[in-house]
Amino acid sequence: GRTTGNYAMGWFRQAPGKEREFVTAINWSDGGTLYTDSVKGRFTI
């Protein structure tokens, strides 16, 4: 599909009995990233 303008893609996760939580995301325009603290150094988007 087509998305115009600025957008980002991210990953969330949800374990049984837990709330959904943010994992990581990346800006499509410049590649800038965000990570939750628990995955820094282990996960790469």
All heavy atoms as atom14 arrays in JSON, in Angstrom:
{
  "sequence": "GRTTGNYAMGWFRQAPGKEREFVTAINWSDGGTLYTDSVKGRFTI",
  "atom14_mask": [
    [1, 1, 1, 1, 0, 0, 0, 0, 0, 0, 0, 0, 0, 0],
    [1, 1, 1, 1, 1, 1, 1, 1, 1, 1, 1, 0, 0, 0],
    [1, 1, 1, 1, 1, 1, 1, 0, 0, 0, 0, 0, 0, 0],
    [1, 1, 1, 1, 1, 1, 1, 0, 0, 0, 0, 0, 0, 0],
    [1, 1, 1, 1, 0, 0, 0, 0, 0, 0, 0, 0, 0, 0],
    [1, 1, 1, 1, 1, 1, 1, 1, 0, 0, 0, 0, 0, 0],
    [1, 1, 1, 1, 1, 1, 1, 1, 1, 1, 1, 1, 0, 0],
    [1, 1, 1, 1, 1, 0, 0, 0, 0, 0, 0, 0, 0, 0],
    [1, 1, 1, 1, 1, 1, 1, 1, 0, 0, 0, 0, 0, 0],
    [1, 1, 1, 1, 0, 0, 0, 0, 0, 0, 0, 0, 0, 0],
    [1, 1, 1, 1, 1, 1, 1, 1, 1, 1, 1, 1, 1, 1],
    [1, 1, 1, 1, 1, 1, 1, 1, 1, 1, 1, 0, 0, 0],
    [1, 1, 1, 1, 1, 1, 1, 1, 1, 1, 1, 0, 0, 0],
    [1, 1, 1, 1, 1, 1, 1, 1, 1, 0, 0, 0, 0, 0],
    [1, 1, 1, 1, 1, 0, 0, 0, 0, 0, 0, 0, 0, 0],
    [1, 1, 1, 1, 1, 1, 1, 0, 0, 0, 0, 0, 0, 0],
    [1, 1, 1, 1, 0, 0, 0, 0, 0, 0, 0, 0, 0, 0],
    [1, 1, 1, 1, 1, 1, 1, 1, 1, 0, 0, 0, 0, 0],
    [1, 1, 1, 1, 1, 1, 1, 1, 1, 0, 0, 0, 0, 0],
    [1, 1, 1, 1, 1, 1, 1, 1, 1, 1, 1, 0, 0, 0],
    [1, 1, 1, 1, 1, 1, 1, 1, 1, 0, 0, 0, 0, 0],
    [1, 1, 1, 1, 1, 1, 1, 1, 1, 1, 1, 0, 0, 0],
    [1, 1, 1, 1, 1, 1, 1, 0, 0, 0, 0, 0, 0, 0],
    [1, 1, 1, 1, 1, 1, 1, 0, 0, 0, 0, 0, 0, 0],
    [1, 1, 1, 1, 1, 0, 0, 0, 0, 0, 0, 0, 0, 0],
    [1, 1, 1, 1, 1, 1, 1, 1, 0, 0, 0, 0, 0, 0],
    [1, 1, 1, 1, 1, 1, 1, 1, 0, 0, 0, 0, 0, 0],
    [1, 1, 1, 1, 1, 1, 1, 1, 1, 1, 1, 1, 1, 1],
    [1, 1, 1, 1, 1, 1, 0, 0, 0, 0, 0, 0, 0, 0],
    [1, 1, 1, 1, 1, 1, 1, 1, 0, 0, 0, 0, 0, 0],
    [1, 1, 1, 1, 0, 0, 0, 0, 0, 0, 0, 0, 0, 0],
    [1, 1, 1, 1, 0, 0, 0, 0, 0, 0, 0, 0, 0, 0],
    [1, 1, 1, 1, 1, 1, 1, 0, 0, 0, 0, 0, 0, 0],
    [1, 1, 1, 1, 1, 1, 1, 1, 0, 0, 0, 0, 0, 0],
    [1, 1, 1, 1, 1, 1, 1, 1, 1, 1, 1, 1, 0, 0],
    [1, 1, 1, 1, 1, 1, 1, 0, 0, 0, 0, 0, 0, 0],
    [1, 1, 1, 1, 1, 1, 1, 1, 0, 0, 0, 0, 0, 0],
    [1, 1, 1, 1, 1, 1, 0, 0, 0, 0, 0, 0, 0, 0],
    [1, 1, 1, 1, 1, 1, 1, 0, 0, 0, 0, 0, 0, 0],
    [1, 1, 1, 1, 1, 1, 1, 1, 1, 0, 0, 0, 0, 0],
    [1, 1, 1, 1, 0, 0, 0, 0, 0, 0, 0, 0, 0, 0],
    [1, 1, 1, 1, 1, 1, 1, 1, 1, 1, 1, 0, 0, 0],
    [1, 1, 1, 1, 1, 1, 1, 1, 1, 1, 1, 0, 0, 0],
    [1, 1, 1, 1, 1, 1, 1, 0, 0, 0, 0, 0, 0, 0],
    [1, 1, 1, 1, 1, 1, 1, 1, 0, 0, 0, 0, 0, 0]
  ],
  "atom14_positions": [
    [[0.82, -1.19, 0.0], [0.0, 0.0, 0.0], [0.86, 1.25, 0.0], [2.08, 1.18, 0.13], [0.0, 0.0, 0.0], [0.0, 0.0, 0.0], [0.0, 0.0, 0.0], [0.0, 0.0, 0.0], [0.0, 0.0, 0.0], [0.0, 0.0, 0.0], [0.0, 0.0, 0.0], [0.0, 0.0, 0.0], [0.0, 0.0, 0.0], [0.0, 0.0, 0.0]],
    [[0.22, 2.37, -0.12], [0.92, 3.65, -0.24], [0.66, 4.52, 0.96], [-0.49, 4.77, 1.34], [0.45, 4.36, -1.51], [1.11, 5.71, -1.75], [2.53, 5.56, -2.24], [2.59, 4.97, -3.56], [3.72, 4.8, -4.26], [4.87, 5.15, -3.75], [3.67, 4.25, -5.47], [0.0, 0.0, 0.0], [0.0, 0.0, 0.0], [0.0, 0.0, 0.0]],
    [[1.72, 4.98, 1.57], [1.65, 5.96, 2.65], [2.48, 7.17, 2.25], [3.67, 7.03, 1.95], [2.16, 5.38, 3.97], [1.37, 4.26, 4.34], [2.09, 6.43, 5.07], [0.0, 0.0, 0.0], [0.0, 0.0, 0.0], [0.0, 0.0, 0.0], [0.0, 0.0, 0.0], [0.0, 0.0, 0.0], [0.0, 0.0, 0.0], [0.0, 0.0, 0.0]],
    [[1.87, 8.32, 2.23], [2.55, 9.54, 1.85], [2.98, 10.33, 3.07], [2.46, 10.14, 4.18], [1.64, 10.42, 0.97], [0.46, 10.76, 1.69], [1.25, 9.68, -0.3], [0.0, 0.0, 0.0], [0.0, 0.0, 0.0], [0.0, 0.0, 0.0], [0.0, 0.0, 0.0], [0.0, 0.0, 0.0], [0.0, 0.0, 0.0], [0.0, 0.0, 0.0]],
    [[3.93, 11.21, 2.86], [4.43, 12.02, 3.94], [5.35, 11.25, 4.87], [5.86, 10.18, 4.52], [0.0, 0.0, 0.0], [0.0, 0.0, 0.0], [0.0, 0.0, 0.0], [0.0, 0.0, 0.0], [0.0, 0.0, 0.0], [0.0, 0.0, 0.0], [0.0, 0.0, 0.0], [0.0, 0.0, 0.0], [0.0, 0.0, 0.0], [0.0, 0.0, 0.0]],
    [[5.56, 11.77, 6.05], [6.43, 11.13, 7.02], [5.71, 9.99, 7.72], [4.55, 10.11, 8.11], [6.88, 12.16, 8.06], [7.86, 11.58, 9.05], [8.94, 11.15, 8.68], [7.47, 11.58, 10.32], [0.0, 0.0, 0.0], [0.0, 0.0, 0.0], [0.0, 0.0, 0.0], [0.0, 0.0, 0.0], [0.0, 0.0, 0.0], [0.0, 0.0, 0.0]],
    [[6.4, 8.86, 7.89], [5.82, 7.74, 8.61], [6.9, 6.92, 9.28], [8.09, 7.06, 8.97], [4.96, 6.86, 7.69], [5.7, 6.22, 6.55], [6.16, 4.91, 6.65], [5.92, 6.91, 5.37], [6.83, 4.31, 5.59], [6.58, 6.32, 4.31], [7.04, 5.02, 4.43], [7.7, 4.43, 3.38], [0.0, 0.0, 0.0], [0.0, 0.0, 0.0]],
    [[6.48, 6.07, 10.19], [7.39, 5.22, 10.93], [6.82, 3.82, 11.01], [5.6, 3.61, 10.95], [7.62, 5.77, 12.33], [0.0, 0.0, 0.0], [0.0, 0.0, 0.0], [0.0, 0.0, 0.0], [0.0, 0.0, 0.0], [0.0, 0.0, 0.0], [0.0, 0.0, 0.0], [0.0, 0.0, 0.0], [0.0, 0.0, 0.0], [0.0, 0.0, 0.0]],
    [[7.71, 2.84, 11.17], [7.3, 1.47, 11.4], [7.91, 0.99, 12.71], [9.07, 1.3, 13.0], [7.73, 0.56, 10.25], [7.07, 0.91, 8.92], [7.43, -0.25, 7.58], [6.56, -1.72, 8.15], [0.0, 0.0, 0.0], [0.0, 0.0, 0.0], [0.0, 0.0, 0.0], [0.0, 0.0, 0.0], [0.0, 0.0, 0.0], [0.0, 0.0, 0.0]],
    [[7.12, 0.27, 13.46], [7.57, -0.16, 14.77], [7.14, -1.57, 15.11], [6.36, -2.2, 14.39], [0.0, 0.0, 0.0], [0.0, 0.0, 0.0], [0.0, 0.0, 0.0], [0.0, 0.0, 0.0], [0.0, 0.0, 0.0], [0.0, 0.0, 0.0], [0.0, 0.0, 0.0], [0.0, 0.0, 0.0], [0.0, 0.0, 0.0], [0.0, 0.0, 0.0]],
    [[7.71, -2.06, 16.22], [7.39, -3.37, 16.75], [6.89, -3.22, 18.18], [7.49, -2.51, 18.99], [8.61, -4.3, 16.75], [9.07, -4.7, 15.38], [10.02, -4.1, 14.62], [8.59, -5.81, 14.62], [10.17, -4.76, 13.43], [9.31, -5.82, 13.4], [7.64, -6.8, 14.85], [9.09, -6.78, 12.41], [7.42, -7.75, 13.87], [8.14, -7.74, 12.67]],
    [[5.79, -3.89, 18.46], [5.24, -4.01, 19.8], [5.15, -5.48, 20.15], [5.18, -6.34, 19.28], [3.87, -3.36, 19.9], [3.88, -1.87, 19.71], [3.99, -1.3, 18.45], [3.78, -1.02, 20.8], [4.01, 0.07, 18.27], [3.79, 0.36, 20.64], [3.91, 0.9, 19.39], [0.0, 0.0, 0.0], [0.0, 0.0, 0.0], [0.0, 0.0, 0.0]],
    [[5.01, -5.78, 21.43], [4.85, -7.17, 21.84], [3.88, -7.27, 23.0], [3.71, -6.34, 23.77], [6.19, -7.8, 22.22], [6.86, -7.2, 23.45], [8.25, -7.79, 23.63], [8.91, -7.27, 24.82], [10.16, -7.53, 25.15], [10.91, -8.32, 24.38], [10.67, -7.01, 26.26], [0.0, 0.0, 0.0], [0.0, 0.0, 0.0], [0.0, 0.0, 0.0]],
    [[3.24, -8.42, 23.1], [2.3, -8.66, 24.17], [2.42, -10.1, 24.64], [2.22, -11.03, 23.86], [0.87, -8.38, 23.73], [-0.14, -8.46, 24.86], [-1.49, -7.9, 24.48], [-1.86, -7.86, 23.3], [-2.24, -7.46, 25.46], [0.0, 0.0, 0.0], [0.0, 0.0, 0.0], [0.0, 0.0, 0.0], [0.0, 0.0, 0.0], [0.0, 0.0, 0.0]],
    [[2.74, -10.26, 25.91], [2.81, -11.57, 26.53], [1.48, -11.9, 27.19], [0.71, -10.99, 27.53], [3.94, -11.6, 27.56], [0.0, 0.0, 0.0], [0.0, 0.0, 0.0], [0.0, 0.0, 0.0], [0.0, 0.0, 0.0], [0.0, 0.0, 0.0], [0.0, 0.0, 0.0], [0.0, 0.0, 0.0], [0.0, 0.0, 0.0], [0.0, 0.0, 0.0]],
    [[1.18, -13.19, 27.39], [-0.07, -13.56, 28.05], [-0.21, -12.89, 29.41], [0.7, -12.93, 30.23], [0.04, -15.08, 28.19], [0.95, -15.49, 27.08], [1.95, -14.37, 26.98], [0.0, 0.0, 0.0], [0.0, 0.0, 0.0], [0.0, 0.0, 0.0], [0.0, 0.0, 0.0], [0.0, 0.0, 0.0], [0.0, 0.0, 0.0], [0.0, 0.0, 0.0]],
    [[-1.36, -12.27, 29.64], [-1.61, -11.61, 30.9], [-0.93, -10.28, 31.08], [-1.03, -9.67, 32.16], [0.0, 0.0, 0.0], [0.0, 0.0, 0.0], [0.0, 0.0, 0.0], [0.0, 0.0, 0.0], [0.0, 0.0, 0.0], [0.0, 0.0, 0.0], [0.0, 0.0, 0.0], [0.0, 0.0, 0.0], [0.0, 0.0, 0.0], [0.0, 0.0, 0.0]],
    [[-0.24, -9.8, 30.07], [0.48, -8.54, 30.14], [-0.09, -7.54, 29.15], [-0.75, -7.91, 28.17], [1.97, -8.75, 29.85], [2.66, -9.73, 30.75], [2.81, -9.19, 32.16], [3.64, -10.13, 33.02], [3.83, -9.59, 34.4], [0.0, 0.0, 0.0], [0.0, 0.0, 0.0], [0.0, 0.0, 0.0], [0.0, 0.0, 0.0], [0.0, 0.0, 0.0]],
    [[0.17, -6.28, 29.41], [-0.22, -5.24, 28.48], [0.73, -5.2, 27.3], [1.9, -5.59, 27.4], [-0.24, -3.87, 29.17], [-1.29, -3.73, 30.24], [-1.35, -2.33, 30.81], [-0.57, -1.46, 30.37], [-2.19, -2.1, 31.68], [0.0, 0.0, 0.0], [0.0, 0.0, 0.0], [0.0, 0.0, 0.0], [0.0, 0.0, 0.0], [0.0, 0.0, 0.0]],
    [[0.23, -4.72, 26.18], [1.07, -4.55, 25.02], [2.12, -3.48, 25.3], [1.81, -2.44, 25.88], [0.22, -4.17, 23.81], [1.0, -4.04, 22.51], [0.05, -3.92, 21.33], [-0.87, -2.82, 21.48], [-1.97, -2.65, 20.75], [-2.28, -3.53, 19.81], [-2.75, -1.6, 20.95], [0.0, 0.0, 0.0], [0.0, 0.0, 0.0], [0.0, 0.0, 0.0]],
    [[3.35, -3.74, 24.89], [4.42, -2.79, 25.15], [5.21, -2.5, 23.88], [5.36, -3.34, 22.99], [5.37, -3.31, 26.24], [6.18, -4.52, 25.85], [7.28, -4.84, 26.85], [7.7, -3.94, 27.59], [7.74, -6.0, 26.87], [0.0, 0.0, 0.0], [0.0, 0.0, 0.0], [0.0, 0.0, 0.0], [0.0, 0.0, 0.0], [0.0, 0.0, 0.0]],
    [[5.74, -1.3, 23.85], [6.6, -0.87, 22.76], [7.93, -1.59, 22.81], [8.48, -1.81, 23.89], [6.81, 0.64, 22.86], [7.82, 1.19, 21.91], [7.48, 1.46, 20.59], [9.12, 1.44, 22.32], [8.41, 1.98, 19.71], [10.05, 1.95, 21.45], [9.69, 2.23, 20.14], [0.0, 0.0, 0.0], [0.0, 0.0, 0.0], [0.0, 0.0, 0.0]],
    [[8.45, -1.96, 21.65], [9.76, -2.58, 21.56], [10.74, -1.65, 20.85], [11.76, -1.26, 21.41], [9.71, -3.93, 20.83], [11.11, -4.54, 20.73], [8.76, -4.89, 21.55], [0.0, 0.0, 0.0], [0.0, 0.0, 0.0], [0.0, 0.0, 0.0], [0.0, 0.0, 0.0], [0.0, 0.0, 0.0], [0.0, 0.0, 0.0], [0.0, 0.0, 0.0]],
    [[10.43, -1.29, 19.61], [11.32, -0.46, 18.82], [10.57, 0.11, 17.63], [9.52, -0.4, 17.24], [12.54, -1.27, 18.33], [13.44, -0.44, 17.6], [12.1, -2.43, 17.45], [0.0, 0.0, 0.0], [0.0, 0.0, 0.0], [0.0, 0.0, 0.0], [0.0, 0.0, 0.0], [0.0, 0.0, 0.0], [0.0, 0.0, 0.0], [0.0, 0.0, 0.0]],
    [[11.1, 1.18, 17.06], [10.51, 1.78, 15.87], [11.59, 2.51, 15.08], [12.64, 2.86, 15.62], [9.38, 2.74, 16.23], [0.0, 0.0, 0.0], [0.0, 0.0, 0.0], [0.0, 0.0, 0.0], [0.0, 0.0, 0.0], [0.0, 0.0, 0.0], [0.0, 0.0, 0.0], [0.0, 0.0, 0.0], [0.0, 0.0, 0.0], [0.0, 0.0, 0.0]],
    [[11.3, 2.74, 13.8], [12.25, 3.41, 12.92], [11.51, 4.39, 12.03], [10.43, 4.09, 11.52], [13.04, 2.37, 12.08], [14.14, 3.05, 11.27], [12.12, 1.56, 11.17], [15.14, 2.07, 10.68], [0.0, 0.0, 0.0], [0.0, 0.0, 0.0], [0.0, 0.0, 0.0], [0.0, 0.0, 0.0], [0.0, 0.0, 0.0], [0.0, 0.0, 0.0]],
    [[12.08, 5.58, 11.87], [11.54, 6.56, 10.93], [11.97, 6.19, 9.52], [13.14, 5.92, 9.26], [12.05, 7.95, 11.26], [11.49, 8.52, 12.53], [10.28, 8.45, 12.76], [12.35, 9.07, 13.38], [0.0, 0.0, 0.0], [0.0, 0.0, 0.0], [0.0, 0.0, 0.0], [0.0, 0.0, 0.0], [0.0, 0.0, 0.0], [0.0, 0.0, 0.0]],
    [[11.0, 6.19, 8.61], [11.32, 5.82, 7.24], [12.17, 6.86, 6.54], [12.97, 6.55, 5.66], [10.04, 5.56, 6.45], [10.2, 4.45, 5.49], [10.26, 4.53, 4.13], [10.33, 3.05, 5.81], [10.42, 3.28, 3.58], [10.46, 2.35, 4.58], [10.33, 2.33, 7.0], [10.6, 0.97, 4.53], [10.48, 0.96, 6.95], [10.61, 0.29, 5.73]],
    [[12.01, 8.11, 6.91], [12.7, 9.18, 6.21], [14.19, 9.23, 6.49], [15.0, 9.37, 5.56], [12.07, 10.53, 6.56], [12.14, 10.77, 7.96], [0.0, 0.0, 0.0], [0.0, 0.0, 0.0], [0.0, 0.0, 0.0], [0.0, 0.0, 0.0], [0.0, 0.0, 0.0], [0.0, 0.0, 0.0], [0.0, 0.0, 0.0], [0.0, 0.0, 0.0]],
    [[14.58, 9.1, 7.75], [15.98, 9.27, 8.1], [16.61, 8.08, 8.81], [17.8, 8.11, 9.14], [16.18, 10.53, 8.95], [15.45, 10.48, 10.27], [14.86, 9.44, 10.6], [15.46, 11.51, 10.98], [0.0, 0.0, 0.0], [0.0, 0.0, 0.0], [0.0, 0.0, 0.0], [0.0, 0.0, 0.0], [0.0, 0.0, 0.0], [0.0, 0.0, 0.0]],
    [[15.83, 7.05, 9.09], [16.36, 5.87, 9.75], [16.55, 6.0, 11.25], [17.12, 5.1, 11.87], [0.0, 0.0, 0.0], [0.0, 0.0, 0.0], [0.0, 0.0, 0.0], [0.0, 0.0, 0.0], [0.0, 0.0, 0.0], [0.0, 0.0, 0.0], [0.0, 0.0, 0.0], [0.0, 0.0, 0.0], [0.0, 0.0, 0.0], [0.0, 0.0, 0.0]],
    [[16.11, 7.1, 11.83], [16.21, 7.26, 13.27], [15.41, 6.21, 14.01], [14.33, 5.8, 13.56], [0.0, 0.0, 0.0], [0.0, 0.0, 0.0], [0.0, 0.0, 0.0], [0.0, 0.0, 0.0], [0.0, 0.0, 0.0], [0.0, 0.0, 0.0], [0.0, 0.0, 0.0], [0.0, 0.0, 0.0], [0.0, 0.0, 0.0], [0.0, 0.0, 0.0]],
    [[15.92, 5.76, 15.14], [15.32, 4.63, 15.85], [15.01, 4.96, 17.3], [15.6, 5.85, 17.91], [16.23, 3.4, 15.81], [17.49, 3.72, 16.41], [16.47, 2.94, 14.38], [0.0, 0.0, 0.0], [0.0, 0.0, 0.0], [0.0, 0.0, 0.0], [0.0, 0.0, 0.0], [0.0, 0.0, 0.0], [0.0, 0.0, 0.0], [0.0, 0.0, 0.0]],
    [[14.07, 4.2, 17.86], [13.74, 4.2, 19.27], [13.74, 2.76, 19.76], [13.33, 1.85, 19.04], [12.36, 4.81, 19.53], [12.13, 6.28, 19.18], [10.65, 6.61, 19.32], [12.97, 7.18, 20.07], [0.0, 0.0, 0.0], [0.0, 0.0, 0.0], [0.0, 0.0, 0.0], [0.0, 0.0, 0.0], [0.0, 0.0, 0.0], [0.0, 0.0, 0.0]],
    [[14.2, 2.55, 21.0], [14.19, 1.23, 21.62], [13.71, 1.34, 23.05], [14.02, 2.31, 23.75], [15.58, 0.6, 21.64], [16.14, 0.23, 20.3], [16.93, 1.11, 19.58], [15.9, -1.04, 19.76], [17.46, 0.76, 18.35], [16.43, -1.39, 18.53], [17.21, -0.49, 17.83], [17.74, -0.85, 16.61], [0.0, 0.0, 0.0], [0.0, 0.0, 0.0]],
    [[13.0, 0.33, 23.5], [12.72, 0.23, 24.91], [13.98, -0.26, 25.62], [14.79, -0.98, 25.04], [11.53, -0.71, 25.18], [11.09, -0.57, 26.53], [11.91, -2.16, 24.92], [0.0, 0.0, 0.0], [0.0, 0.0, 0.0], [0.0, 0.0, 0.0], [0.0, 0.0, 0.0], [0.0, 0.0, 0.0], [0.0, 0.0, 0.0], [0.0, 0.0, 0.0]],
    [[14.16, 0.14, 26.87], [15.41, -0.13, 27.57], [15.75, -1.61, 27.66], [16.92, -1.99, 27.61], [15.36, 0.47, 28.98], [15.46, 1.98, 28.99], [15.86, 2.56, 27.96], [15.14, 2.58, 30.03], [0.0, 0.0, 0.0], [0.0, 0.0, 0.0], [0.0, 0.0, 0.0], [0.0, 0.0, 0.0], [0.0, 0.0, 0.0], [0.0, 0.0, 0.0]],
    [[14.75, -2.45, 27.8], [15.0, -3.87, 28.03], [15.61, -4.59, 26.84], [16.12, -5.7, 26.99], [13.71, -4.57, 28.45], [12.74, -4.53, 27.42], [0.0, 0.0, 0.0], [0.0, 0.0, 0.0], [0.0, 0.0, 0.0], [0.0, 0.0, 0.0], [0.0, 0.0, 0.0], [0.0, 0.0, 0.0], [0.0, 0.0, 0.0], [0.0, 0.0, 0.0]],
    [[15.58, -4.0, 25.65], [16.11, -4.67, 24.47], [17.34, -3.97, 23.89], [17.93, -4.49, 22.94], [15.05, -4.83, 23.37], [13.8, -5.49, 23.92], [14.71, -3.49, 22.72], [0.0, 0.0, 0.0], [0.0, 0.0, 0.0], [0.0, 0.0, 0.0], [0.0, 0.0, 0.0], [0.0, 0.0, 0.0], [0.0, 0.0, 0.0], [0.0, 0.0, 0.0]],
    [[17.71, -2.84, 24.45], [18.88, -2.13, 23.94], [20.13, -3.0, 24.04], [20.39, -3.62, 25.06], [19.09, -0.82, 24.71], [18.06, 0.24, 24.4], [18.32, 1.51, 25.2], [17.3, 2.58, 24.89], [17.49, 3.8, 25.7], [0.0, 0.0, 0.0], [0.0, 0.0, 0.0], [0.0, 0.0, 0.0], [0.0, 0.0, 0.0], [0.0, 0.0, 0.0]],
    [[20.89, -3.04, 22.96], [22.08, -3.86, 22.91], [21.83, -5.29, 22.48], [22.79, -6.02, 22.2], [0.0, 0.0, 0.0], [0.0, 0.0, 0.0], [0.0, 0.0, 0.0], [0.0, 0.0, 0.0], [0.0, 0.0, 0.0], [0.0, 0.0, 0.0], [0.0, 0.0, 0.0], [0.0, 0.0, 0.0], [0.0, 0.0, 0.0], [0.0, 0.0, 0.0]],
    [[20.57, -5.71, 22.42], [20.23, -7.07, 22.01], [19.43, -7.1, 20.71], [19.61, -8.0, 19.9], [19.44, -7.78, 23.11], [20.2, -7.91, 24.42], [19.44, -8.81, 25.4], [18.13, -8.27, 25.75], [16.97, -8.9, 25.53], [16.98, -10.12, 24.98], [15.83, -8.35, 25.88], [0.0, 0.0, 0.0], [0.0, 0.0, 0.0], [0.0, 0.0, 0.0]],
    [[18.53, -6.13, 20.55], [17.66, -6.08, 19.37], [18.1, -4.94, 18.46], [18.55, -3.89, 18.94], [16.21, -5.83, 19.77], [15.54, -6.96, 20.5], [16.24, -8.06, 20.96], [14.17, -6.91, 20.73], [15.61, -9.09, 21.64], [13.52, -7.94, 21.4], [14.24, -9.02, 21.85], [0.0, 0.0, 0.0], [0.0, 0.0, 0.0], [0.0, 0.0, 0.0]],
    [[17.94, -5.14, 17.16], [18.25, -4.11, 16.19], [17.15, -4.05, 15.14], [16.81, -5.07, 14.54], [19.59, -4.38, 15.49], [20.64, -4.48, 16.46], [19.91, -3.25, 14.51], [0.0, 0.0, 0.0], [0.0, 0.0, 0.0], [0.0, 0.0, 0.0], [0.0, 0.0, 0.0], [0.0, 0.0, 0.0], [0.0, 0.0, 0.0], [0.0, 0.0, 0.0]],
    [[16.61, -2.86, 14.93], [15.62, -2.67, 13.89], [16.3, -2.08, 12.67], [17.2, -1.25, 12.79], [14.46, -1.76, 14.36], [13.33, -1.74, 13.33], [14.94, -0.35, 14.67], [12.06, -1.05, 13.82], [0.0, 0.0, 0.0], [0.0, 0.0, 0.0], [0.0, 0.0, 0.0], [0.0, 0.0, 0.0], [0.0, 0.0, 0.0], [0.0, 0.0, 0.0]]
  ]
}
